[in-house]
Every structure is written in structure tokens, then in C-alpha cells.
Amino acid sequence: MKEIKEYYEVVVFTAATKNYADWVLDQIDLFGNISHWLYWNHTDTIDEEEERRIKDLSKIGLSLNKTIIVDNIAENFG
């Protein structure tokens, strides 16, 4: 993480709740290399009936032209 931070701004956008995500990220990011953390409450509902949500990357306020997305579900960024 330290090396990555030298070249990139690291932002985590998870669909997990803040309490759970903070616990996990605290284990991963011991030295504060992640600059921003976004959680379930930052996602937008796209289908209430199916409880589907989407991560709106415009919320991070950074250029998406130079963004690398790592996620296990492509639909999260519809």
C-alpha cells in the first residue's frame, strides 16, 4: 500500500456498512495509505424491490479518466 500511495491516490468505495468496513480497512491500512473511504450509505438505490445499489464514482470528485476500478461485481458501476 505504501508504494501504491507514492504513485496513486487510493480510494476505497465499498457497499459494506461503515462499522464493518472500518474494521476490515483498519486491518489492511495500518499506516493511513487510503485517502478516502466511502461506504454503503454513499451508494445510490437503483432498484428498491431487489435492493440493488450502485457506486456513483462522481462522488469521489476525481477525474475518472485516470481511475482504476477493482471490484468483484461489474454492475456496481453501471
N, C-alpha and C. Protein backbone atom coordinates (compact mmCIF):
# COMPACT_ATOMS: atom_id res chain seq x y z
N MET A 1 0.82 -1.19 0.00
CA MET A 1 0.00 0.00 0.00
C MET A 1 0.87 1.25 0.00
N LYS A 2 1.96 1.21 0.72
CA LYS A 2 2.82 2.39 0.80
C LYS A 2 3.37 2.75 -0.59
N GLU A 3 3.80 1.75 -1.34
CA GLU A 3 4.33 2.00 -2.68
C GLU A 3 3.24 2.51 -3.62
N ILE A 4 2.07 1.94 -3.53
CA ILE A 4 0.97 2.38 -4.37
C ILE A 4 0.64 3.84 -4.10
N LYS A 5 0.65 4.22 -2.83
CA LYS A 5 0.32 5.59 -2.45
C LYS A 5 1.29 6.60 -3.06
N GLU A 6 2.53 6.19 -3.31
CA GLU A 6 3.51 7.09 -3.90
C GLU A 6 3.12 7.50 -5.32
N TYR A 7 2.36 6.68 -6.01
CA TYR A 7 2.01 6.94 -7.41
C TYR A 7 0.52 7.23 -7.64
N TYR A 8 -0.32 6.80 -6.71
CA TYR A 8 -1.77 6.90 -6.89
C TYR A 8 -2.43 7.40 -5.62
N GLU A 9 -3.60 8.00 -5.80
CA GLU A 9 -4.46 8.29 -4.66
C GLU A 9 -5.35 7.08 -4.50
N VAL A 10 -5.36 6.48 -3.34
CA VAL A 10 -6.12 5.26 -3.10
C VAL A 10 -7.44 5.61 -2.41
N VAL A 11 -8.55 5.25 -3.06
CA VAL A 11 -9.89 5.49 -2.54
C VAL A 11 -10.60 4.15 -2.49
N VAL A 12 -11.21 3.84 -1.36
CA VAL A 12 -11.99 2.61 -1.23
C VAL A 12 -13.46 2.99 -1.21
N PHE A 13 -14.23 2.35 -2.09
CA PHE A 13 -15.67 2.57 -2.17
C PHE A 13 -16.31 1.20 -2.03
N THR A 14 -16.84 0.92 -0.86
CA THR A 14 -17.41 -0.40 -0.58
C THR A 14 -18.91 -0.31 -0.37
N ALA A 15 -19.60 -1.38 -0.67
CA ALA A 15 -21.04 -1.44 -0.40
C ALA A 15 -21.31 -1.94 1.02
N ALA A 16 -20.26 -2.15 1.79
CA ALA A 16 -20.40 -2.60 3.17
C ALA A 16 -20.80 -1.42 4.08
N THR A 17 -21.33 -1.76 5.23
CA THR A 17 -21.66 -0.72 6.20
C THR A 17 -20.37 -0.15 6.79
N LYS A 18 -20.45 1.05 7.31
CA LYS A 18 -19.27 1.75 7.83
C LYS A 18 -18.58 0.96 8.95
N ASN A 19 -19.35 0.45 9.91
CA ASN A 19 -18.75 -0.28 11.03
C ASN A 19 -17.94 -1.48 10.56
N TYR A 20 -18.53 -2.27 9.68
CA TYR A 20 -17.84 -3.46 9.18
C TYR A 20 -16.64 -3.06 8.33
N ALA A 21 -16.84 -2.14 7.40
CA ALA A 21 -15.76 -1.72 6.50
C ALA A 21 -14.59 -1.11 7.28
N ASP A 22 -14.89 -0.29 8.26
CA ASP A 22 -13.81 0.32 9.05
C ASP A 22 -12.97 -0.74 9.74
N TRP A 23 -13.63 -1.77 10.27
CA TRP A 23 -12.89 -2.83 10.94
C TRP A 23 -11.95 -3.53 9.95
N VAL A 24 -12.46 -3.87 8.76
CA VAL A 24 -11.64 -4.54 7.75
C VAL A 24 -10.51 -3.62 7.27
N LEU A 25 -10.86 -2.39 6.93
CA LEU A 25 -9.86 -1.46 6.38
C LEU A 25 -8.80 -1.09 7.41
N ASP A 26 -9.17 -1.05 8.68
CA ASP A 26 -8.18 -0.79 9.72
C ASP A 26 -7.13 -1.91 9.77
N GLN A 27 -7.51 -3.13 9.42
CA GLN A 27 -6.57 -4.24 9.38
C GLN A 27 -5.64 -4.15 8.17
N ILE A 28 -6.16 -3.60 7.07
CA ILE A 28 -5.41 -3.52 5.81
C ILE A 28 -4.55 -2.27 5.74
N ASP A 29 -5.07 -1.16 6.23
CA ASP A 29 -4.43 0.15 6.06
C ASP A 29 -3.87 0.65 7.39
N LEU A 30 -2.85 -0.03 7.87
CA LEU A 30 -2.29 0.29 9.18
C LEU A 30 -1.60 1.66 9.23
N PHE A 31 -1.16 2.17 8.08
CA PHE A 31 -0.38 3.40 8.07
C PHE A 31 -1.08 4.56 7.36
N GLY A 32 -2.39 4.46 7.15
CA GLY A 32 -3.16 5.56 6.58
C GLY A 32 -2.87 5.85 5.12
N ASN A 33 -2.67 4.81 4.33
CA ASN A 33 -2.38 4.99 2.90
C ASN A 33 -3.63 5.21 2.05
N ILE A 34 -4.78 4.89 2.57
CA ILE A 34 -6.03 5.12 1.85
C ILE A 34 -6.49 6.53 2.17
N SER A 35 -6.69 7.34 1.12
CA SER A 35 -7.03 8.75 1.35
C SER A 35 -8.51 8.97 1.63
N HIS A 36 -9.39 8.15 1.06
CA HIS A 36 -10.84 8.32 1.26
C HIS A 36 -11.50 6.96 1.34
N TRP A 37 -12.49 6.86 2.22
CA TRP A 37 -13.28 5.65 2.35
C TRP A 37 -14.74 6.02 2.14
N LEU A 38 -15.40 5.35 1.22
CA LEU A 38 -16.84 5.54 1.00
C LEU A 38 -17.52 4.21 1.27
N TYR A 39 -18.78 4.29 1.76
CA TYR A 39 -19.48 3.12 2.28
C TYR A 39 -20.85 2.94 1.64
N TRP A 40 -21.59 1.97 2.18
CA TRP A 40 -22.94 1.67 1.72
C TRP A 40 -23.80 2.92 1.64
N ASN A 41 -23.71 3.79 2.65
CA ASN A 41 -24.55 4.98 2.68
C ASN A 41 -24.19 5.98 1.57
N HIS A 42 -23.07 5.79 0.88
CA HIS A 42 -22.70 6.64 -0.25
C HIS A 42 -23.19 6.07 -1.58
N THR A 43 -23.75 4.86 -1.56
CA THR A 43 -24.26 4.26 -2.79
C THR A 43 -25.66 4.79 -3.08
N ASP A 44 -26.11 4.63 -4.32
CA ASP A 44 -27.44 5.07 -4.72
C ASP A 44 -28.31 3.86 -5.02
N THR A 45 -29.56 3.91 -4.60
CA THR A 45 -30.51 2.84 -4.87
C THR A 45 -30.96 2.91 -6.33
N ILE A 46 -30.86 1.79 -7.03
CA ILE A 46 -31.35 1.76 -8.41
C ILE A 46 -32.55 0.83 -8.54
N ASP A 47 -32.78 -0.03 -7.54
CA ASP A 47 -33.95 -0.91 -7.55
C ASP A 47 -34.26 -1.28 -6.11
N GLU A 48 -35.23 -0.57 -5.52
CA GLU A 48 -35.57 -0.80 -4.12
C GLU A 48 -36.12 -2.20 -3.88
N GLU A 49 -36.90 -2.70 -4.83
CA GLU A 49 -37.53 -4.01 -4.67
C GLU A 49 -36.48 -5.11 -4.57
N GLU A 50 -35.45 -5.04 -5.40
CA GLU A 50 -34.38 -6.04 -5.38
C GLU A 50 -33.21 -5.60 -4.51
N GLU A 51 -33.34 -4.43 -3.89
CA GLU A 51 -32.28 -3.87 -3.03
C GLU A 51 -30.96 -3.74 -3.76
N ARG A 52 -31.02 -3.33 -5.04
CA ARG A 52 -29.81 -3.13 -5.83
C ARG A 52 -29.33 -1.70 -5.67
N ARG A 53 -28.03 -1.56 -5.50
CA ARG A 53 -27.43 -0.25 -5.31
C ARG A 53 -26.27 -0.10 -6.29
N ILE A 54 -25.88 1.15 -6.54
CA ILE A 54 -24.79 1.43 -7.46
C ILE A 54 -23.81 2.40 -6.81
N LYS A 55 -22.54 2.24 -7.13
CA LYS A 55 -21.49 3.14 -6.64
C LYS A 55 -21.28 4.23 -7.68
N ASP A 56 -21.71 5.44 -7.36
CA ASP A 56 -21.57 6.58 -8.27
C ASP A 56 -20.18 7.19 -8.06
N LEU A 57 -19.28 6.91 -9.00
CA LEU A 57 -17.89 7.34 -8.85
C LEU A 57 -17.71 8.85 -8.94
N SER A 58 -18.71 9.56 -9.42
CA SER A 58 -18.58 11.02 -9.44
C SER A 58 -18.52 11.58 -8.02
N LYS A 59 -18.95 10.80 -7.04
CA LYS A 59 -18.92 11.24 -5.65
C LYS A 59 -17.51 11.37 -5.09
N ILE A 60 -16.53 10.72 -5.73
CA ILE A 60 -15.17 10.84 -5.21
C ILE A 60 -14.51 12.14 -5.64
N GLY A 61 -15.10 12.82 -6.61
CA GLY A 61 -14.60 14.13 -7.01
C GLY A 61 -13.26 14.13 -7.71
N LEU A 62 -12.89 13.02 -8.32
CA LEU A 62 -11.62 12.91 -9.03
C LEU A 62 -11.88 12.59 -10.49
N SER A 63 -10.90 12.86 -11.33
CA SER A 63 -11.03 12.55 -12.75
C SER A 63 -11.13 11.04 -12.94
N LEU A 64 -12.17 10.62 -13.64
CA LEU A 64 -12.34 9.20 -13.89
C LEU A 64 -11.50 8.73 -15.08
N ASN A 65 -10.89 9.67 -15.79
CA ASN A 65 -10.03 9.32 -16.92
C ASN A 65 -8.80 8.54 -16.46
N LYS A 66 -8.41 8.75 -15.22
CA LYS A 66 -7.21 8.09 -14.69
C LYS A 66 -7.56 7.23 -13.48
N THR A 67 -8.68 6.55 -13.58
CA THR A 67 -9.17 5.75 -12.46
C THR A 67 -9.08 4.27 -12.78
N ILE A 68 -8.59 3.50 -11.83
CA ILE A 68 -8.57 2.04 -11.93
C ILE A 68 -9.60 1.52 -10.96
N ILE A 69 -10.51 0.70 -11.46
CA ILE A 69 -11.56 0.13 -10.62
C ILE A 69 -11.25 -1.33 -10.38
N VAL A 70 -11.30 -1.73 -9.11
CA VAL A 70 -11.15 -3.14 -8.74
C VAL A 70 -12.40 -3.50 -7.96
N ASP A 71 -13.20 -4.38 -8.53
CA ASP A 71 -14.45 -4.79 -7.88
C ASP A 71 -14.81 -6.18 -8.38
N ASN A 72 -15.53 -6.92 -7.57
CA ASN A 72 -15.94 -8.26 -7.97
C ASN A 72 -17.28 -8.29 -8.71
N ILE A 73 -17.97 -7.13 -8.80
CA ILE A 73 -19.26 -7.07 -9.48
C ILE A 73 -19.26 -5.86 -10.41
N ALA A 74 -19.21 -6.12 -11.72
CA ALA A 74 -19.15 -5.05 -12.71
C ALA A 74 -20.39 -4.15 -12.66
N GLU A 75 -21.54 -4.68 -12.33
CA GLU A 75 -22.78 -3.90 -12.30
C GLU A 75 -22.77 -2.82 -11.23
N ASN A 76 -21.85 -2.90 -10.28
CA ASN A 76 -21.79 -1.89 -9.22
C ASN A 76 -21.53 -0.50 -9.76
N PHE A 77 -20.99 -0.42 -10.97
CA PHE A 77 -20.62 0.87 -11.53
C PHE A 77 -21.44 1.22 -12.75
N GLY A 78 -22.59 0.50 -12.96
CA GLY A 78 -23.45 0.68 -14.11
C GLY A 78 -23.39 2.05 -14.70
